């Protein structure tokens, strides 16, 4: 996790700037050090908790690694000191994606739940009056269940259970459909989507037509 500083005094010379960074910057590698970080006294924070990918949520050692929700909370508390506002990018550690690629529903689902907790915590720490929260993805997955499984049949089974696939591959593939963009308590994104699709109140959106399309079909209303 890397957090950008809220502000830095502009009147300091190079030496004092270095001292300022030294006093306001922290590096942590375990949960105890992470918990000891005080947002009021920290402008820069880097946490490296694993040598490669973070562990899956249900495998995470809570005494060593903070959760995604905990990291989100710490980041917001540090960045919110900036009176001009801030931008924060939170990713699910890529493990929802990895769980799907591995054909392991339990891993993907646990990661999704933790991601949802991080979104909820961010909502509690920010105001809808001045904060735009957007949840989206860079692609979808084709991971799905078919057939007539008995009602109540668990998708979890053993931790390393591999879900069946009609076409077994080394790695499950991405889907091709558009992914959703979900803004919270803001209307700008909704207007952009409505305009792009020529939906009410933008039925006459009058975007330039593409020569490859039927001339009678506005570009904004084509698929």
C-alpha atoms as a PDB file:
ATOM      1  CA  UNK A   1       0.000   0.000   0.000  1.00  0.00           C
ATOM      2  CA  UNK A   2       1.402   3.379  -0.979  1.00  0.00           C
ATOM      3  CA  UNK A   3      -0.192   6.638   0.135  1.00  0.00           C
ATOM      4  CA  UNK A   4       0.529  10.064  -1.333  1.00  0.00           C
ATOM      5  CA  UNK A   5       1.288  12.886   1.079  1.00  0.00           C
ATOM      6  CA  UNK A   6      -1.455  15.432   1.805  1.00  0.00           C
ATOM      7  CA  UNK A   7       0.776  18.524   1.676  1.00  0.00           C
ATOM      8  CA  UNK A   8       4.424  19.497   2.010  1.00  0.00           C
ATOM      9  CA  UNK A   9       5.707  22.924   3.161  1.00  0.00           C
ATOM     10  CA  UNK A  10       7.175  24.822   0.193  1.00  0.00           C
ATOM     11  CA  UNK A  11       9.501  27.107   2.137  1.00  0.00           C
ATOM     12  CA  UNK A  12      11.896  24.436   3.446  1.00  0.00           C
ATOM     13  CA  UNK A  13      15.322  23.817   1.944  1.00  0.00           C
ATOM     14  CA  UNK A  14      16.412  20.368   0.774  1.00  0.00           C
ATOM     15  CA  UNK A  15      17.883  19.272   4.098  1.00  0.00           C
ATOM     16  CA  UNK A  16      14.807  20.174   6.111  1.00  0.00           C
ATOM     17  CA  UNK A  17      12.566  18.631   3.470  1.00  0.00           C
ATOM     18  CA  UNK A  18      14.517  15.393   3.949  1.00  0.00           C
ATOM     19  CA  UNK A  19      14.049  15.631   7.721  1.00  0.00           C
ATOM     20  CA  UNK A  20      10.346  16.357   7.211  1.00  0.00           C
ATOM     21  CA  UNK A  21       9.960  13.236   5.069  1.00  0.00           C
ATOM     22  CA  UNK A  22      11.910  11.204   7.599  1.00  0.00           C
ATOM     23  CA  UNK A  23       9.623  12.261  10.417  1.00  0.00           C
ATOM     24  CA  UNK A  24       6.360  11.952   8.497  1.00  0.00           C
ATOM     25  CA  UNK A  25       7.095   8.797   6.474  1.00  0.00           C
ATOM     26  CA  UNK A  26       6.766   5.240   7.721  1.00  0.00           C
ATOM     27  CA  UNK A  27       7.374   1.773   6.336  1.00  0.00           C
ATOM     28  CA  UNK A  28       5.664  -1.244   7.897  1.00  0.00           C
ATOM     29  CA  UNK A  29       5.752  -4.963   7.160  1.00  0.00           C
ATOM     30  CA  UNK A  30       3.486  -6.539   9.767  1.00  0.00           C
ATOM     31  CA  UNK A  31       0.169  -5.948  11.506  1.00  0.00           C
ATOM     32  CA  UNK A  32       1.666  -4.673  14.781  1.00  0.00           C
ATOM     33  CA  UNK A  33       3.673  -1.976  13.004  1.00  0.00           C
ATOM     34  CA  UNK A  34       0.666  -1.109  10.854  1.00  0.00           C
ATOM     35  CA  UNK A  35      -1.593  -0.688  13.888  1.00  0.00           C
ATOM     36  CA  UNK A  36       1.018   1.512  15.574  1.00  0.00           C
ATOM     37  CA  UNK A  37       0.920   4.077  12.758  1.00  0.00           C
ATOM     38  CA  UNK A  38      -0.863   7.252  13.866  1.00  0.00           C
ATOM     39  CA  UNK A  39      -2.551   9.015  10.927  1.00  0.00           C
ATOM     40  CA  UNK A  40      -2.216  12.411  12.630  1.00  0.00           C
ATOM     41  CA  UNK A  41       1.583  12.073  12.590  1.00  0.00           C
ATOM     42  CA  UNK A  42       1.973  10.329   9.225  1.00  0.00           C
ATOM     43  CA  UNK A  43       1.914  11.747   5.702  1.00  0.00           C
ATOM     44  CA  UNK A  44       3.558   8.857   3.849  1.00  0.00           C
ATOM     45  CA  UNK A  45       2.969   5.185   4.499  1.00  0.00           C
ATOM     46  CA  UNK A  46       4.196   2.122   2.645  1.00  0.00           C
ATOM     47  CA  UNK A  47       3.265  -1.373   3.744  1.00  0.00           C
ATOM     48  CA  UNK A  48       4.731  -4.515   2.193  1.00  0.00           C
ATOM     49  CA  UNK A  49       3.282  -7.522   3.976  1.00  0.00           C
ATOM     50  CA  UNK A  50       4.032 -10.402   1.615  1.00  0.00           C
ATOM     51  CA  UNK A  51       6.960 -11.170  -0.730  1.00  0.00           C
ATOM     52  CA  UNK A  52       4.547 -11.493  -3.670  1.00  0.00           C
ATOM     53  CA  UNK A  53       0.733 -11.565  -3.769  1.00  0.00           C
ATOM     54  CA  UNK A  54      -1.233 -10.943  -0.596  1.00  0.00           C
ATOM     55  CA  UNK A  55      -2.727 -14.079   0.854  1.00  0.00           C
ATOM     56  CA  UNK A  56      -6.324 -15.001   0.154  1.00  0.00           C
ATOM     57  CA  UNK A  57      -8.586 -13.540   2.824  1.00  0.00           C
ATOM     58  CA  UNK A  58      -9.554 -16.863   4.394  1.00  0.00           C
ATOM     59  CA  UNK A  59      -5.859 -17.798   4.563  1.00  0.00           C
ATOM     60  CA  UNK A  60      -4.696 -14.430   5.921  1.00  0.00           C
ATOM     61  CA  UNK A  61      -2.798 -14.428   9.204  1.00  0.00           C
ATOM     62  CA  UNK A  62      -4.572 -11.603  11.027  1.00  0.00           C
ATOM     63  CA  UNK A  63      -1.639 -11.251  13.415  1.00  0.00           C
ATOM     64  CA  UNK A  64       0.720 -10.445  10.518  1.00  0.00           C
ATOM     65  CA  UNK A  65      -1.287  -8.926   7.654  1.00  0.00           C
ATOM     66  CA  UNK A  66      -3.989  -6.208   7.878  1.00  0.00           C
ATOM     67  CA  UNK A  67      -7.217  -6.741   5.980  1.00  0.00           C
ATOM     68  CA  UNK A  68      -8.194  -4.747   2.911  1.00  0.00           C
ATOM     69  CA  UNK A  69     -10.808  -2.892   4.976  1.00  0.00           C
ATOM     70  CA  UNK A  70      -8.193  -1.979   7.596  1.00  0.00           C
ATOM     71  CA  UNK A  71      -5.772  -0.683   4.963  1.00  0.00           C
ATOM     72  CA  UNK A  72      -8.554   1.343   3.359  1.00  0.00           C
ATOM     73  CA  UNK A  73      -9.428   2.925   6.699  1.00  0.00           C
ATOM     74  CA  UNK A  74      -5.812   3.858   7.444  1.00  0.00           C
ATOM     75  CA  UNK A  75      -5.363   5.367   3.984  1.00  0.00           C
ATOM     76  CA  UNK A  76      -8.478   7.530   4.248  1.00  0.00           C
ATOM     77  CA  UNK A  77      -7.559   8.795   7.707  1.00  0.00           C
ATOM     78  CA  UNK A  78      -4.124   9.890   6.450  1.00  0.00           C
ATOM     79  CA  UNK A  79      -5.245  11.378   3.139  1.00  0.00           C
ATOM     80  CA  UNK A  80      -8.282  13.171   4.588  1.00  0.00           C
ATOM     81  CA  UNK A  81      -5.916  15.622   6.278  1.00  0.00           C
ATOM     82  CA  UNK A  82      -5.501  17.305   2.907  1.00  0.00           C
ATOM     83  CA  UNK A  83      -7.927  20.239   2.825  1.00  0.00           C
ATOM     84  CA  UNK A  84      -7.925  20.126  -0.991  1.00  0.00           C
ATOM     85  CA  UNK A  85      -9.245  16.591  -1.023  1.00  0.00           C
ATOM     86  CA  UNK A  86      -7.641  13.389  -2.236  1.00  0.00           C
ATOM     87  CA  UNK A  87      -7.822  10.482  -4.668  1.00  0.00           C
ATOM     88  CA  UNK A  88      -7.552   6.941  -3.352  1.00  0.00           C
ATOM     89  CA  UNK A  89      -7.390   3.796  -5.472  1.00  0.00           C
ATOM     90  CA  UNK A  90      -8.248   0.580  -3.651  1.00  0.00           C
ATOM     91  CA  UNK A  91      -7.805  -2.796  -5.314  1.00  0.00           C
ATOM     92  CA  UNK A  92      -8.849  -6.172  -3.972  1.00  0.00           C
ATOM     93  CA  UNK A  93      -5.207  -7.344  -4.176  1.00  0.00           C
ATOM     94  CA  UNK A  94      -6.095  -9.026  -7.473  1.00  0.00           C
ATOM     95  CA  UNK A  95      -7.233 -12.095  -5.586  1.00  0.00           C
ATOM     96  CA  UNK A  96     -10.848 -12.098  -6.770  1.00  0.00           C
ATOM     97  CA  UNK A  97      -9.340 -12.418 -10.224  1.00  0.00           C
ATOM     98  CA  UNK A  98      -6.912 -15.131  -9.146  1.00  0.00           C
ATOM     99  CA  UNK A  99      -9.655 -17.137  -7.460  1.00  0.00           C
ATOM    100  CA  UNK A 100     -11.687 -17.123 -10.666  1.00  0.00           C
ATOM    101  CA  UNK A 101      -8.702 -18.013 -12.830  1.00  0.00           C
ATOM    102  CA  UNK A 102      -7.973 -20.927 -10.527  1.00  0.00           C
ATOM    103  CA  UNK A 103     -11.553 -22.201 -10.696  1.00  0.00           C
ATOM    104  CA  UNK A 104     -11.857 -21.905  -6.917  1.00  0.00           C
ATOM    105  CA  UNK A 105     -15.176 -20.354  -5.945  1.00  0.00           C
ATOM    106  CA  UNK A 106     -14.440 -20.216  -2.224  1.00  0.00           C
ATOM    107  CA  UNK A 107     -11.374 -18.038  -2.684  1.00  0.00           C
ATOM    108  CA  UNK A 108     -13.101 -15.681  -5.111  1.00  0.00           C
ATOM    109  CA  UNK A 109     -16.166 -15.321  -2.877  1.00  0.00           C
ATOM    110  CA  UNK A 110     -14.221 -14.621   0.311  1.00  0.00           C
ATOM    111  CA  UNK A 111     -12.226 -11.938  -1.515  1.00  0.00           C
ATOM    112  CA  UNK A 112     -15.421 -10.356  -2.834  1.00  0.00           C
ATOM    113  CA  UNK A 113     -16.858 -10.196   0.683  1.00  0.00           C
ATOM    114  CA  UNK A 114     -13.699  -8.513   2.004  1.00  0.00           C
ATOM    115  CA  UNK A 115     -13.783  -6.041  -0.891  1.00  0.00           C
ATOM    116  CA  UNK A 116     -17.388  -5.226   0.024  1.00  0.00           C
ATOM    117  CA  UNK A 117     -16.319  -4.597   3.625  1.00  0.00           C
ATOM    118  CA  UNK A 118     -13.645  -2.158   2.415  1.00  0.00           C
ATOM    119  CA  UNK A 119     -16.237  -0.290   0.338  1.00  0.00           C
ATOM    120  CA  UNK A 120     -18.549  -0.109   3.337  1.00  0.00           C
ATOM    121  CA  UNK A 121     -15.805   1.193   5.626  1.00  0.00           C
ATOM    122  CA  UNK A 122     -14.875   3.866   3.088  1.00  0.00           C
ATOM    123  CA  UNK A 123     -18.505   4.980   3.012  1.00  0.00           C
ATOM    124  CA  UNK A 124     -18.528   5.312   6.804  1.00  0.00           C
ATOM    125  CA  UNK A 125     -15.380   7.459   6.809  1.00  0.00           C
ATOM    126  CA  UNK A 126     -16.391   9.850   4.022  1.00  0.00           C
ATOM    127  CA  UNK A 127     -19.322  12.141   3.312  1.00  0.00           C
ATOM    128  CA  UNK A 128     -21.654  11.710   0.375  1.00  0.00           C
ATOM    129  CA  UNK A 129     -21.789  15.504   0.126  1.00  0.00           C
ATOM    130  CA  UNK A 130     -18.205  15.822  -1.115  1.00  0.00           C
ATOM    131  CA  UNK A 131     -17.051  12.312  -2.029  1.00  0.00           C
ATOM    132  CA  UNK A 132     -17.532  10.328  -5.220  1.00  0.00           C
ATOM    133  CA  UNK A 133     -17.049   6.611  -4.614  1.00  0.00           C
ATOM    134  CA  UNK A 134     -16.959   4.452  -7.733  1.00  0.00           C
ATOM    135  CA  UNK A 135     -16.747   0.657  -7.790  1.00  0.00           C
ATOM    136  CA  UNK A 136     -15.876  -1.084 -11.043  1.00  0.00           C
ATOM    137  CA  UNK A 137     -13.648  -3.736 -12.622  1.00  0.00           C
ATOM    138  CA  UNK A 138     -11.319  -3.964 -15.604  1.00  0.00           C
ATOM    139  CA  UNK A 139     -12.957  -7.151 -16.913  1.00  0.00           C
ATOM    140  CA  UNK A 140     -15.401  -9.901 -16.050  1.00  0.00           C
ATOM    141  CA  UNK A 141     -15.021 -13.684 -15.806  1.00  0.00           C
ATOM    142  CA  UNK A 142     -16.767 -16.660 -17.381  1.00  0.00           C
ATOM    143  CA  UNK A 143     -16.790 -18.603 -14.104  1.00  0.00           C
ATOM    144  CA  UNK A 144     -20.340 -19.956 -13.740  1.00  0.00           C
ATOM    145  CA  UNK A 145     -22.342 -22.889 -12.413  1.00  0.00           C
ATOM    146  CA  UNK A 146     -24.653 -24.981 -14.544  1.00  0.00           C
ATOM    147  CA  UNK A 147     -26.704 -28.131 -14.224  1.00  0.00           C
ATOM    148  CA  UNK A 148     -29.186 -29.173 -11.573  1.00  0.00           C
ATOM    149  CA  UNK A 149     -27.285 -29.163  -8.319  1.00  0.00           C
ATOM    150  CA  UNK A 150     -29.255 -30.041  -5.198  1.00  0.00           C
ATOM    151  CA  UNK A 151     -30.676 -27.046  -3.293  1.00  0.00           C
ATOM    152  CA  UNK A 152     -28.382 -26.042  -0.456  1.00  0.00           C
ATOM    153  CA  UNK A 153     -25.352 -27.702  -2.010  1.00  0.00           C
ATOM    154  CA  UNK A 154     -22.283 -25.784  -0.789  1.00  0.00           C
ATOM    155  CA  UNK A 155     -19.888 -24.289  -3.334  1.00  0.00           C
ATOM    156  CA  UNK A 156     -17.138 -24.285  -0.731  1.00  0.00           C
ATOM    157  CA  UNK A 157     -16.266 -27.906   0.022  1.00  0.00           C
ATOM    158  CA  UNK A 158     -12.549 -28.162   0.846  1.00  0.00           C
ATOM    159  CA  UNK A 159     -10.388 -25.044   0.718  1.00  0.00           C
ATOM    160  CA  UNK A 160      -8.573 -26.264  -2.391  1.00  0.00           C
ATOM    161  CA  UNK A 161     -11.649 -27.688  -4.123  1.00  0.00           C
ATOM    162  CA  UNK A 162     -11.557 -27.106  -7.879  1.00  0.00           C
ATOM    163  CA  UNK A 163     -14.928 -26.388  -9.446  1.00  0.00           C
ATOM    164  CA  UNK A 164     -15.773 -28.447 -12.509  1.00  0.00           C
ATOM    165  CA  UNK A 165     -15.514 -26.834 -15.946  1.00  0.00           C
ATOM    166  CA  UNK A 166     -16.976 -28.000 -19.279  1.00  0.00           C
ATOM    167  CA  UNK A 167     -13.672 -27.108 -20.974  1.00  0.00           C
ATOM    168  CA  UNK A 168     -10.828 -27.575 -18.464  1.00  0.00           C
ATOM    169  CA  UNK A 169      -7.951 -25.117 -18.961  1.00  0.00           C
ATOM    170  CA  UNK A 170      -4.818 -24.253 -17.060  1.00  0.00           C
ATOM    171  CA  UNK A 171      -6.477 -20.944 -16.209  1.00  0.00           C
ATOM    172  CA  UNK A 172     -10.091 -19.791 -16.475  1.00  0.00           C
ATOM    173  CA  UNK A 173     -10.535 -16.985 -19.012  1.00  0.00           C
ATOM    174  CA  UNK A 174     -11.936 -13.462 -18.858  1.00  0.00           C
ATOM    175  CA  UNK A 175     -15.415 -12.621 -20.083  1.00  0.00           C
ATOM    176  CA  UNK A 176     -16.066 -10.198 -22.943  1.00  0.00           C
ATOM    177  CA  UNK A 177     -19.108  -8.265 -21.717  1.00  0.00           C
ATOM    178  CA  UNK A 178     -18.948  -4.674 -20.486  1.00  0.00           C
ATOM    179  CA  UNK A 179     -18.380  -4.330 -16.760  1.00  0.00           C
ATOM    180  CA  UNK A 180     -20.541  -2.144 -14.555  1.00  0.00           C
ATOM    181  CA  UNK A 181     -19.472   1.194 -13.103  1.00  0.00           C
ATOM    182  CA  UNK A 182     -21.230   1.781  -9.805  1.00  0.00           C
ATOM    183  CA  UNK A 183     -21.081   5.280  -8.289  1.00  0.00           C
ATOM    184  CA  UNK A 184     -22.396   5.834  -4.778  1.00  0.00           C
ATOM    185  CA  UNK A 185     -24.781   8.701  -4.120  1.00  0.00           C
ATOM    186  CA  UNK A 186     -23.595  10.734  -7.105  1.00  0.00           C
ATOM    187  CA  UNK A 187     -25.477  11.561 -10.297  1.00  0.00           C
ATOM    188  CA  UNK A 188     -22.728  12.536 -12.749  1.00  0.00           C
ATOM    189  CA  UNK A 189     -21.833   8.980 -13.771  1.00  0.00           C
ATOM    190  CA  UNK A 190     -25.501   8.190 -14.291  1.00  0.00           C
ATOM    191  CA  UNK A 191     -25.844  11.155 -16.671  1.00  0.00           C
ATOM    192  CA  UNK A 192     -22.765  10.097 -18.651  1.00  0.00           C
ATOM    193  CA  UNK A 193     -24.166   6.596 -19.108  1.00  0.00           C
ATOM    194  CA  UNK A 194     -27.601   7.925 -20.058  1.00  0.00           C
ATOM    195  CA  UNK A 195     -26.097  10.301 -22.614  1.00  0.00           C
ATOM    196  CA  UNK A 196     -23.939   7.580 -24.172  1.00  0.00           C
ATOM    197  CA  UNK A 197     -26.999   5.341 -24.547  1.00  0.00           C
ATOM    198  CA  UNK A 198     -29.396   8.084 -25.728  1.00  0.00           C
ATOM    199  CA  UNK A 199     -31.663   7.452 -22.770  1.00  0.00           C
ATOM    200  CA  UNK A 200     -34.023   9.954 -21.170  1.00  0.00           C
ATOM    201  CA  UNK A 201     -33.462  12.881 -20.879  1.00  0.00           C
ATOM    202  CA  UNK A 202     -30.788  12.621 -23.627  1.00  0.00           C
ATOM    203  CA  UNK A 203     -32.778  10.980 -26.416  1.00  0.00           C
ATOM    204  CA  UNK A 204     -31.377  13.550 -28.892  1.00  0.00           C
ATOM    205  CA  UNK A 205     -27.724  13.169 -27.940  1.00  0.00           C
ATOM    206  CA  UNK A 206     -26.463  14.039 -31.481  1.00  0.00           C
ATOM    207  CA  UNK A 207     -23.034  12.451 -31.328  1.00  0.00           C
ATOM    208  CA  UNK A 208     -21.067  12.156 -34.607  1.00  0.00           C
ATOM    209  CA  UNK A 209     -22.071   9.163 -36.678  1.00  0.00           C
ATOM    210  CA  UNK A 210     -19.448   6.543 -37.551  1.00  0.00           C
ATOM    211  CA  UNK A 211     -19.092   5.713 -41.253  1.00  0.00           C
ATOM    212  CA  UNK A 212     -19.041   1.999 -40.472  1.00  0.00           C
ATOM    213  CA  UNK A 213     -22.545   2.133 -39.030  1.00  0.00           C
ATOM    214  CA  UNK A 214     -25.940   2.355 -40.609  1.00  0.00           C
ATOM    215  CA  UNK A 215     -26.287   6.115 -41.371  1.00  0.00           C
ATOM    216  CA  UNK A 216     -29.786   6.055 -39.951  1.00  0.00           C
ATOM    217  CA  UNK A 217     -28.495   4.989 -36.533  1.00  0.00           C
ATOM    218  CA  UNK A 218     -26.883   7.621 -34.269  1.00  0.00           C
ATOM    219  CA  UNK A 219     -23.467   6.521 -33.021  1.00  0.00           C
ATOM    220  CA  UNK A 220     -24.543   7.116 -29.440  1.00  0.00           C
ATOM    221  CA  UNK A 221     -27.354   4.612 -29.771  1.00  0.00           C
ATOM    222  CA  UNK A 222     -25.465   1.754 -31.458  1.00  0.00           C
ATOM    223  CA  UNK A 223     -24.065  -1.256 -29.692  1.00  0.00           C
END
